[in-house]
PDB file of N, CA and C in Angstrom:
ATOM      1  N   UNK A   1     -22.763  -4.803 -25.325  1.00  0.00           N
ATOM      2  CA  UNK A   1     -23.259  -6.106 -25.638  1.00  0.00           C
ATOM      3  C   UNK A   1     -22.656  -7.122 -24.653  1.00  0.00           C
ATOM      4  N   UNK A   2     -23.465  -7.923 -24.115  1.00  0.00           N
ATOM      5  CA  UNK A   2     -23.006  -8.866 -23.118  1.00  0.00           C
ATOM      6  C   UNK A   2     -22.767 -10.241 -23.756  1.00  0.00           C
ATOM      7  N   UNK A   3     -21.653 -10.824 -23.382  1.00  0.00           N
ATOM      8  CA  UNK A   3     -21.373 -12.173 -23.823  1.00  0.00           C
ATOM      9  C   UNK A   3     -20.815 -12.951 -22.654  1.00  0.00           C
ATOM     10  N   UNK A   4     -20.504 -14.183 -22.922  1.00  0.00           N
ATOM     11  CA  UNK A   4     -20.016 -15.055 -21.838  1.00  0.00           C
ATOM     12  C   UNK A   4     -18.781 -14.507 -21.167  1.00  0.00           C
ATOM     13  N   UNK A   5     -17.853 -13.943 -21.953  1.00  0.00           N
ATOM     14  CA  UNK A   5     -16.594 -13.446 -21.371  1.00  0.00           C
ATOM     15  C   UNK A   5     -16.797 -12.156 -20.589  1.00  0.00           C
ATOM     16  N   UNK A   6     -17.644 -11.270 -21.068  1.00  0.00           N
ATOM     17  CA  UNK A   6     -17.899 -10.054 -20.280  1.00  0.00           C
ATOM     18  C   UNK A   6     -18.611 -10.380 -18.985  1.00  0.00           C
ATOM     19  N   UNK A   7     -19.486 -11.391 -19.010  1.00  0.00           N
ATOM     20  CA  UNK A   7     -20.144 -11.813 -17.792  1.00  0.00           C
ATOM     21  C   UNK A   7     -19.156 -12.400 -16.803  1.00  0.00           C
ATOM     22  N   UNK A   8     -18.198 -13.188 -17.284  1.00  0.00           N
ATOM     23  CA  UNK A   8     -17.162 -13.766 -16.451  1.00  0.00           C
ATOM     24  C   UNK A   8     -16.305 -12.654 -15.803  1.00  0.00           C
ATOM     25  N   UNK A   9     -15.922 -11.691 -16.642  1.00  0.00           N
ATOM     26  CA  UNK A   9     -15.100 -10.552 -16.162  1.00  0.00           C
ATOM     27  C   UNK A   9     -15.897  -9.778 -15.111  1.00  0.00           C
ATOM     28  N   UNK A  10     -17.144  -9.506 -15.371  1.00  0.00           N
ATOM     29  CA  UNK A  10     -17.971  -8.762 -14.415  1.00  0.00           C
ATOM     30  C   UNK A  10     -18.076  -9.509 -13.099  1.00  0.00           C
ATOM     31  N   UNK A  11     -18.311 -10.788 -13.150  1.00  0.00           N
ATOM     32  CA  UNK A  11     -18.390 -11.595 -11.918  1.00  0.00           C
ATOM     33  C   UNK A  11     -17.091 -11.614 -11.157  1.00  0.00           C
ATOM     34  N   UNK A  12     -15.978 -11.704 -11.871  1.00  0.00           N
ATOM     35  CA  UNK A  12     -14.673 -11.714 -11.235  1.00  0.00           C
ATOM     36  C   UNK A  12     -14.392 -10.390 -10.536  1.00  0.00           C
ATOM     37  N   UNK A  13     -14.732  -9.261 -11.211  1.00  0.00           N
ATOM     38  CA  UNK A  13     -14.509  -7.958 -10.618  1.00  0.00           C
ATOM     39  C   UNK A  13     -15.392  -7.769  -9.382  1.00  0.00           C
ATOM     40  N   UNK A  14     -16.608  -8.284  -9.410  1.00  0.00           N
ATOM     41  CA  UNK A  14     -17.477  -8.198  -8.246  1.00  0.00           C
ATOM     42  C   UNK A  14     -16.885  -8.931  -7.084  1.00  0.00           C
ATOM     43  N   UNK A  15     -16.282 -10.075  -7.317  1.00  0.00           N
ATOM     44  CA  UNK A  15     -15.655 -10.838  -6.203  1.00  0.00           C
ATOM     45  C   UNK A  15     -14.461 -10.099  -5.671  1.00  0.00           C
ATOM     46  N   UNK A  16     -13.699  -9.458  -6.525  1.00  0.00           N
ATOM     47  CA  UNK A  16     -12.518  -8.685  -6.066  1.00  0.00           C
ATOM     48  C   UNK A  16     -12.989  -7.525  -5.218  1.00  0.00           C
ATOM     49  N   UNK A  17     -13.984  -6.783  -5.655  1.00  0.00           N
ATOM     50  CA  UNK A  17     -14.505  -5.653  -4.900  1.00  0.00           C
ATOM     51  C   UNK A  17     -15.048  -6.067  -3.567  1.00  0.00           C
ATOM     52  N   UNK A  18     -15.797  -7.202  -3.554  1.00  0.00           N
ATOM     53  CA  UNK A  18     -16.343  -7.716  -2.293  1.00  0.00           C
ATOM     54  C   UNK A  18     -15.199  -8.107  -1.332  1.00  0.00           C
ATOM     55  N   UNK A  19     -14.209  -8.767  -1.872  1.00  0.00           N
ATOM     56  CA  UNK A  19     -13.053  -9.195  -1.041  1.00  0.00           C
ATOM     57  C   UNK A  19     -12.351  -7.984  -0.464  1.00  0.00           C
ATOM     58  N   UNK A  20     -12.153  -6.949  -1.258  1.00  0.00           N
ATOM     59  CA  UNK A  20     -11.487  -5.715  -0.796  1.00  0.00           C
ATOM     60  C   UNK A  20     -12.294  -5.128   0.353  1.00  0.00           C
ATOM     61  N   UNK A  21     -13.594  -5.010   0.200  1.00  0.00           N
ATOM     62  CA  UNK A  21     -14.434  -4.398   1.246  1.00  0.00           C
ATOM     63  C   UNK A  21     -14.401  -5.202   2.519  1.00  0.00           C
ATOM     64  N   UNK A  22     -14.390  -6.496   2.417  1.00  0.00           N
ATOM     65  CA  UNK A  22     -14.350  -7.357   3.611  1.00  0.00           C
ATOM     66  C   UNK A  22     -12.989  -7.189   4.327  1.00  0.00           C
ATOM     67  N   UNK A  23     -11.916  -7.221   3.563  1.00  0.00           N
ATOM     68  CA  UNK A  23     -10.576  -7.089   4.151  1.00  0.00           C
ATOM     69  C   UNK A  23     -10.407  -5.700   4.750  1.00  0.00           C
ATOM     70  N   UNK A  24     -10.884  -4.689   4.073  1.00  0.00           N
ATOM     71  CA  UNK A  24     -10.779  -3.320   4.602  1.00  0.00           C
ATOM     72  C   UNK A  24     -11.553  -3.189   5.930  1.00  0.00           C
ATOM     73  N   UNK A  25     -12.722  -3.785   6.013  1.00  0.00           N
ATOM     74  CA  UNK A  25     -13.507  -3.748   7.228  1.00  0.00           C
ATOM     75  C   UNK A  25     -12.771  -4.459   8.363  1.00  0.00           C
ATOM     76  N   UNK A  26     -12.162  -5.576   8.076  1.00  0.00           N
ATOM     77  CA  UNK A  26     -11.427  -6.346   9.093  1.00  0.00           C
ATOM     78  C   UNK A  26     -10.269  -5.501   9.636  1.00  0.00           C
ATOM     79  N   UNK A  27      -9.563  -4.853   8.756  1.00  0.00           N
ATOM     80  CA  UNK A  27      -8.419  -4.028   9.179  1.00  0.00           C
ATOM     81  C   UNK A  27      -8.903  -2.818  10.000  1.00  0.00           C
ATOM     82  N   UNK A  28      -9.965  -2.193   9.533  1.00  0.00           N
ATOM     83  CA  UNK A  28     -10.526  -1.036  10.236  1.00  0.00           C
ATOM     84  C   UNK A  28     -11.008  -1.409  11.636  1.00  0.00           C
ATOM     85  N   UNK A  29     -11.471  -2.641  11.788  1.00  0.00           N
ATOM     86  CA  UNK A  29     -11.971  -3.101  13.108  1.00  0.00           C
ATOM     87  C   UNK A  29     -10.845  -3.391  14.106  1.00  0.00           C
ATOM     88  N   UNK A  30      -9.627  -3.476  13.622  1.00  0.00           N
ATOM     89  CA  UNK A  30      -8.488  -3.751  14.461  1.00  0.00           C
ATOM     90  C   UNK A  30      -8.203  -2.524  15.348  1.00  0.00           C
ATOM     91  N   UNK A  31      -7.729  -2.802  16.535  1.00  0.00           N
ATOM     92  CA  UNK A  31      -7.252  -1.711  17.384  1.00  0.00           C
ATOM     93  C   UNK A  31      -5.921  -1.213  16.827  1.00  0.00           C
ATOM     94  N   UNK A  32      -5.556  -0.028  17.223  1.00  0.00           N
ATOM     95  CA  UNK A  32      -4.250   0.534  16.768  1.00  0.00           C
ATOM     96  C   UNK A  32      -3.125  -0.358  17.260  1.00  0.00           C
ATOM     97  N   UNK A  33      -3.263  -0.872  18.471  1.00  0.00           N
ATOM     98  CA  UNK A  33      -2.248  -1.760  19.030  1.00  0.00           C
ATOM     99  C   UNK A  33      -2.066  -3.012  18.188  1.00  0.00           C
ATOM    100  N   UNK A  34      -3.161  -3.639  17.804  1.00  0.00           N
ATOM    101  CA  UNK A  34      -3.085  -4.813  16.942  1.00  0.00           C
ATOM    102  C   UNK A  34      -2.567  -4.474  15.579  1.00  0.00           C
ATOM    103  N   UNK A  35      -2.970  -3.328  15.052  1.00  0.00           N
ATOM    104  CA  UNK A  35      -2.488  -2.881  13.721  1.00  0.00           C
ATOM    105  C   UNK A  35      -0.966  -2.703  13.767  1.00  0.00           C
ATOM    106  N   UNK A  36      -0.476  -2.164  14.858  1.00  0.00           N
ATOM    107  CA  UNK A  36       0.984  -1.969  14.994  1.00  0.00           C
ATOM    108  C   UNK A  36       1.717  -3.278  14.938  1.00  0.00           C
ATOM    109  N   UNK A  37       1.112  -4.339  15.421  1.00  0.00           N
ATOM    110  CA  UNK A  37       1.748  -5.634  15.434  1.00  0.00           C
ATOM    111  C   UNK A  37       1.939  -6.176  14.022  1.00  0.00           C
ATOM    112  N   UNK A  38       1.168  -5.709  13.076  1.00  0.00           N
ATOM    113  CA  UNK A  38       1.301  -6.142  11.685  1.00  0.00           C
ATOM    114  C   UNK A  38       2.528  -5.476  11.016  1.00  0.00           C
ATOM    115  N   UNK A  39       2.885  -4.344  11.559  1.00  0.00           N
ATOM    116  CA  UNK A  39       3.962  -3.537  10.946  1.00  0.00           C
ATOM    117  C   UNK A  39       5.354  -4.016  11.383  1.00  0.00           C
ATOM    118  N   UNK A  40       6.329  -3.809  10.482  1.00  0.00           N
ATOM    119  CA  UNK A  40       7.701  -4.119  10.881  1.00  0.00           C
ATOM    120  C   UNK A  40       8.107  -3.348  12.111  1.00  0.00           C
ATOM    121  N   UNK A  41       8.941  -3.913  12.929  1.00  0.00           N
ATOM    122  CA  UNK A  41       9.315  -3.294  14.208  1.00  0.00           C
ATOM    123  C   UNK A  41      10.013  -1.943  14.004  1.00  0.00           C
ATOM    124  N   UNK A  42      10.604  -1.711  12.867  1.00  0.00           N
ATOM    125  CA  UNK A  42      11.317  -0.471  12.598  1.00  0.00           C
ATOM    126  C   UNK A  42      10.395   0.661  12.093  1.00  0.00           C
ATOM    127  N   UNK A  43       9.113   0.348  11.967  1.00  0.00           N
ATOM    128  CA  UNK A  43       8.177   1.335  11.389  1.00  0.00           C
ATOM    129  C   UNK A  43       8.016   2.549  12.278  1.00  0.00           C
ATOM    130  N   UNK A  44       7.888   3.681  11.647  1.00  0.00           N
ATOM    131  CA  UNK A  44       7.641   4.965  12.305  1.00  0.00           C
ATOM    132  C   UNK A  44       6.231   4.958  12.887  1.00  0.00           C
ATOM    133  N   UNK A  45       6.126   5.202  14.181  1.00  0.00           N
ATOM    134  CA  UNK A  45       4.821   5.194  14.875  1.00  0.00           C
ATOM    135  C   UNK A  45       3.832   6.175  14.265  1.00  0.00           C
ATOM    136  N   UNK A  46       4.317   7.366  13.913  1.00  0.00           N
ATOM    137  CA  UNK A  46       3.437   8.381  13.288  1.00  0.00           C
ATOM    138  C   UNK A  46       2.891   7.884  11.970  1.00  0.00           C
ATOM    139  N   UNK A  47       3.740   7.220  11.195  1.00  0.00           N
ATOM    140  CA  UNK A  47       3.305   6.685   9.910  1.00  0.00           C
ATOM    141  C   UNK A  47       2.241   5.610  10.103  1.00  0.00           C
ATOM    142  N   UNK A  48       2.441   4.771  11.110  1.00  0.00           N
ATOM    143  CA  UNK A  48       1.487   3.698  11.398  1.00  0.00           C
ATOM    144  C   UNK A  48       0.119   4.340  11.764  1.00  0.00           C
ATOM    145  N   UNK A  49       0.139   5.364  12.577  1.00  0.00           N
ATOM    146  CA  UNK A  49      -1.112   6.022  12.986  1.00  0.00           C
ATOM    147  C   UNK A  49      -1.800   6.666  11.801  1.00  0.00           C
ATOM    148  N   UNK A  50      -1.043   7.305  10.923  1.00  0.00           N
ATOM    149  CA  UNK A  50      -1.629   7.940   9.718  1.00  0.00           C
ATOM    150  C   UNK A  50      -2.228   6.874   8.796  1.00  0.00           C
ATOM    151  N   UNK A  51      -1.517   5.777   8.622  1.00  0.00           N
ATOM    152  CA  UNK A  51      -2.040   4.727   7.781  1.00  0.00           C
ATOM    153  C   UNK A  51      -3.293   4.131   8.310  1.00  0.00           C
ATOM    154  N   UNK A  52      -3.317   3.846   9.631  1.00  0.00           N
ATOM    155  CA  UNK A  52      -4.520   3.322  10.281  1.00  0.00           C
ATOM    156  C   UNK A  52      -5.683   4.275  10.114  1.00  0.00           C
ATOM    157  N   UNK A  53      -5.455   5.553  10.314  1.00  0.00           N
ATOM    158  CA  UNK A  53      -6.502   6.540  10.162  1.00  0.00           C
ATOM    159  C   UNK A  53      -7.054   6.583   8.717  1.00  0.00           C
ATOM    160  N   UNK A  54      -6.159   6.426   7.741  1.00  0.00           N
ATOM    161  CA  UNK A  54      -6.589   6.408   6.330  1.00  0.00           C
ATOM    162  C   UNK A  54      -7.446   5.181   6.052  1.00  0.00           C
ATOM    163  N   UNK A  55      -7.046   4.043   6.616  1.00  0.00           N
ATOM    164  CA  UNK A  55      -7.835   2.808   6.401  1.00  0.00           C
ATOM    165  C   UNK A  55      -9.188   2.896   7.090  1.00  0.00           C
ATOM    166  N   UNK A  56      -9.187   3.432   8.293  1.00  0.00           N
ATOM    167  CA  UNK A  56     -10.442   3.619   9.030  1.00  0.00           C
ATOM    168  C   UNK A  56     -11.393   4.539   8.256  1.00  0.00           C
ATOM    169  N   UNK A  57     -10.844   5.620   7.734  1.00  0.00           N
ATOM    170  CA  UNK A  57     -11.655   6.578   6.972  1.00  0.00           C
ATOM    171  C   UNK A  57     -12.213   5.924   5.721  1.00  0.00           C
ATOM    172  N   UNK A  58     -11.371   5.155   5.010  1.00  0.00           N
ATOM    173  CA  UNK A  58     -11.798   4.467   3.794  1.00  0.00           C
ATOM    174  C   UNK A  58     -12.925   3.501   4.087  1.00  0.00           C
ATOM    175  N   UNK A  59     -12.803   2.786   5.180  1.00  0.00           N
ATOM    176  CA  UNK A  59     -13.852   1.812   5.549  1.00  0.00           C
ATOM    177  C   UNK A  59     -15.148   2.533   5.906  1.00  0.00           C
ATOM    178  N   UNK A  60     -15.031   3.609   6.650  1.00  0.00           N
ATOM    179  CA  UNK A  60     -16.216   4.364   7.071  1.00  0.00           C
ATOM    180  C   UNK A  60     -16.939   4.982   5.879  1.00  0.00           C
ATOM    181  N   UNK A  61     -16.175   5.414   4.891  1.00  0.00           N
ATOM    182  CA  UNK A  61     -16.746   6.058   3.729  1.00  0.00           C
ATOM    183  C   UNK A  61     -16.959   5.127   2.562  1.00  0.00           C
ATOM    184  N   UNK A  62     -16.606   3.839   2.747  1.00  0.00           N
ATOM    185  CA  UNK A  62     -16.722   2.825   1.676  1.00  0.00           C
ATOM    186  C   UNK A  62     -15.983   3.283   0.426  1.00  0.00           C
ATOM    187  N   UNK A  63     -14.760   3.786   0.629  1.00  0.00           N
ATOM    188  CA  UNK A  63     -13.956   4.261  -0.502  1.00  0.00           C
ATOM    189  C   UNK A  63     -13.442   3.111  -1.369  1.00  0.00           C
ATOM    190  N   UNK A  64     -13.329   3.370  -2.630  1.00  0.00           N
ATOM    191  CA  UNK A  64     -12.755   2.391  -3.549  1.00  0.00           C
ATOM    192  C   UNK A  64     -11.263   2.244  -3.272  1.00  0.00           C
ATOM    193  N   UNK A  65     -10.708   1.166  -3.703  1.00  0.00           N
ATOM    194  CA  UNK A  65      -9.308   0.876  -3.494  1.00  0.00           C
ATOM    195  C   UNK A  65      -8.417   1.970  -4.056  1.00  0.00           C
ATOM    196  N   UNK A  66      -8.756   2.493  -5.248  1.00  0.00           N
ATOM    197  CA  UNK A  66      -7.963   3.531  -5.863  1.00  0.00           C
ATOM    198  C   UNK A  66      -8.006   4.819  -5.035  1.00  0.00           C
ATOM    199  N   UNK A  67      -9.153   5.118  -4.449  1.00  0.00           N
ATOM    200  CA  UNK A  67      -9.285   6.309  -3.589  1.00  0.00           C
ATOM    201  C   UNK A  67      -8.420   6.175  -2.342  1.00  0.00           C
ATOM    202  N   UNK A  68      -8.467   4.981  -1.756  1.00  0.00           N
ATOM    203  CA  UNK A  68      -7.640   4.727  -0.588  1.00  0.00           C
ATOM    204  C   UNK A  68      -6.158   4.905  -0.927  1.00  0.00           C
ATOM    205  N   UNK A  69      -5.752   4.363  -2.063  1.00  0.00           N
ATOM    206  CA  UNK A  69      -4.359   4.452  -2.477  1.00  0.00           C
ATOM    207  C   UNK A  69      -3.971   5.920  -2.681  1.00  0.00           C
ATOM    208  N   UNK A  70      -4.827   6.708  -3.319  1.00  0.00           N
ATOM    209  CA  UNK A  70      -4.534   8.126  -3.508  1.00  0.00           C
ATOM    210  C   UNK A  70      -4.419   8.877  -2.187  1.00  0.00           C
ATOM    211  N   UNK A  71      -5.304   8.567  -1.248  1.00  0.00           N
ATOM    212  CA  UNK A  71      -5.228   9.188   0.077  1.00  0.00           C
ATOM    213  C   UNK A  71      -3.950   8.822   0.789  1.00  0.00           C
ATOM    214  N   UNK A  72      -3.536   7.580   0.668  1.00  0.00           N
ATOM    215  CA  UNK A  72      -2.297   7.139   1.296  1.00  0.00           C
ATOM    216  C   UNK A  72      -1.084   7.828   0.692  1.00  0.00           C
ATOM    217  N   UNK A  73      -1.075   7.957  -0.631  1.00  0.00           N
ATOM    218  CA  UNK A  73       0.051   8.613  -1.309  1.00  0.00           C
ATOM    219  C   UNK A  73       0.166  10.067  -0.850  1.00  0.00           C
ATOM    220  N   UNK A  74      -0.948  10.735  -0.579  1.00  0.00           N
ATOM    221  CA  UNK A  74      -0.938  12.120  -0.124  1.00  0.00           C
ATOM    222  C   UNK A  74      -0.299  12.240   1.289  1.00  0.00           C
ATOM    223  N   UNK A  75      -0.213  11.146   2.016  1.00  0.00           N
ATOM    224  CA  UNK A  75       0.344  11.163   3.366  1.00  0.00           C
ATOM    225  C   UNK A  75       1.871  11.098   3.369  1.00  0.00           C
ATOM    226  N   UNK A  76       2.469  10.876   2.206  1.00  0.00           N
ATOM    227  CA  UNK A  76       3.909  10.872   2.091  1.00  0.00           C
ATOM    228  C   UNK A  76       4.507   9.509   1.816  1.00  0.00           C
ATOM    229  N   UNK A  77       5.776   9.519   1.457  1.00  0.00           N
ATOM    230  CA  UNK A  77       6.467   8.307   1.071  1.00  0.00           C
ATOM    231  C   UNK A  77       6.569   7.268   2.201  1.00  0.00           C
ATOM    232  N   UNK A  78       6.779   7.751   3.437  1.00  0.00           N
ATOM    233  CA  UNK A  78       6.945   6.815   4.542  1.00  0.00           C
ATOM    234  C   UNK A  78       5.644   5.998   4.728  1.00  0.00           C
ATOM    235  N   UNK A  79       4.525   6.681   4.732  1.00  0.00           N
ATOM    236  CA  UNK A  79       3.235   5.998   4.912  1.00  0.00           C
ATOM    237  C   UNK A  79       2.935   5.121   3.702  1.00  0.00           C
ATOM    238  N   UNK A  80       3.209   5.628   2.489  1.00  0.00           N
ATOM    239  CA  UNK A  80       2.970   4.862   1.293  1.00  0.00           C
ATOM    240  C   UNK A  80       3.799   3.583   1.266  1.00  0.00           C
ATOM    241  N   UNK A  81       5.073   3.660   1.586  1.00  0.00           N
ATOM    242  CA  UNK A  81       5.923   2.506   1.620  1.00  0.00           C
ATOM    243  C   UNK A  81       5.479   1.467   2.677  1.00  0.00           C
ATOM    244  N   UNK A  82       5.021   1.969   3.807  1.00  0.00           N
ATOM    245  CA  UNK A  82       4.508   1.069   4.817  1.00  0.00           C
ATOM    246  C   UNK A  82       3.250   0.373   4.305  1.00  0.00           C
ATOM    247  N   UNK A  83       2.379   1.106   3.649  1.00  0.00           N
ATOM    248  CA  UNK A  83       1.150   0.535   3.089  1.00  0.00           C
ATOM    249  C   UNK A  83       1.485  -0.552   2.057  1.00  0.00           C
ATOM    250  N   UNK A  84       2.501  -0.305   1.218  1.00  0.00           N
ATOM    251  CA  UNK A  84       2.853  -1.281   0.199  1.00  0.00           C
ATOM    252  C   UNK A  84       3.380  -2.558   0.895  1.00  0.00           C
ATOM    253  N   UNK A  85       4.058  -2.402   1.993  1.00  0.00           N
ATOM    254  CA  UNK A  85       4.593  -3.557   2.764  1.00  0.00           C
ATOM    255  C   UNK A  85       3.460  -4.377   3.345  1.00  0.00           C
ATOM    256  N   UNK A  86       2.467  -3.666   3.916  1.00  0.00           N
ATOM    257  CA  UNK A  86       1.350  -4.382   4.596  1.00  0.00           C
ATOM    258  C   UNK A  86       0.296  -4.875   3.643  1.00  0.00           C
ATOM    259  N   UNK A  87       0.047  -4.116   2.596  1.00  0.00           N
ATOM    260  CA  UNK A  87      -1.046  -4.402   1.670  1.00  0.00           C
ATOM    261  C   UNK A  87      -0.552  -4.503   0.235  1.00  0.00           C
ATOM    262  N   UNK A  88      -0.016  -5.665  -0.139  1.00  0.00           N
ATOM    263  CA  UNK A  88       0.533  -5.806  -1.526  1.00  0.00           C
ATOM    264  C   UNK A  88      -0.500  -5.433  -2.623  1.00  0.00           C
ATOM    265  N   UNK A  89      -1.769  -5.513  -2.293  1.00  0.00           N
ATOM    266  CA  UNK A  89      -2.807  -5.196  -3.299  1.00  0.00           C
ATOM    267  C   UNK A  89      -2.759  -3.716  -3.691  1.00  0.00           C
ATOM    268  N   UNK A  90      -2.124  -2.866  -2.873  1.00  0.00           N
ATOM    269  CA  UNK A  90      -2.097  -1.432  -3.154  1.00  0.00           C
ATOM    270  C   UNK A  90      -0.938  -1.023  -4.049  1.00  0.00           C
ATOM    271  N   UNK A  91      -0.122  -1.942  -4.479  1.00  0.00           N
ATOM    272  CA  UNK A  91       1.030  -1.583  -5.316  1.00  0.00           C
ATOM    273  C   UNK A  91       0.612  -1.173  -6.704  1.00  0.00           C
TER     274      UNK A  91
END
């Protein structure tokens, strides 16, 4: 049953999903060099490359935020911690 509040919630979730897709596309369009500039100077280069590849893959496949998070977690703690630093929305 639809009511005013469920419509408001649905509209809010749509905006969040649209915002996520837009931001993900922007990050995926970045070069690896520019992506590295977002990372703390002490970041492991291999972790940065793995994270960038995961973001690129998520954008190409239009993955949901939860799927991206699961894929990042599978890459290990170093990559996951870097992702949390760069993308607070993934916490």
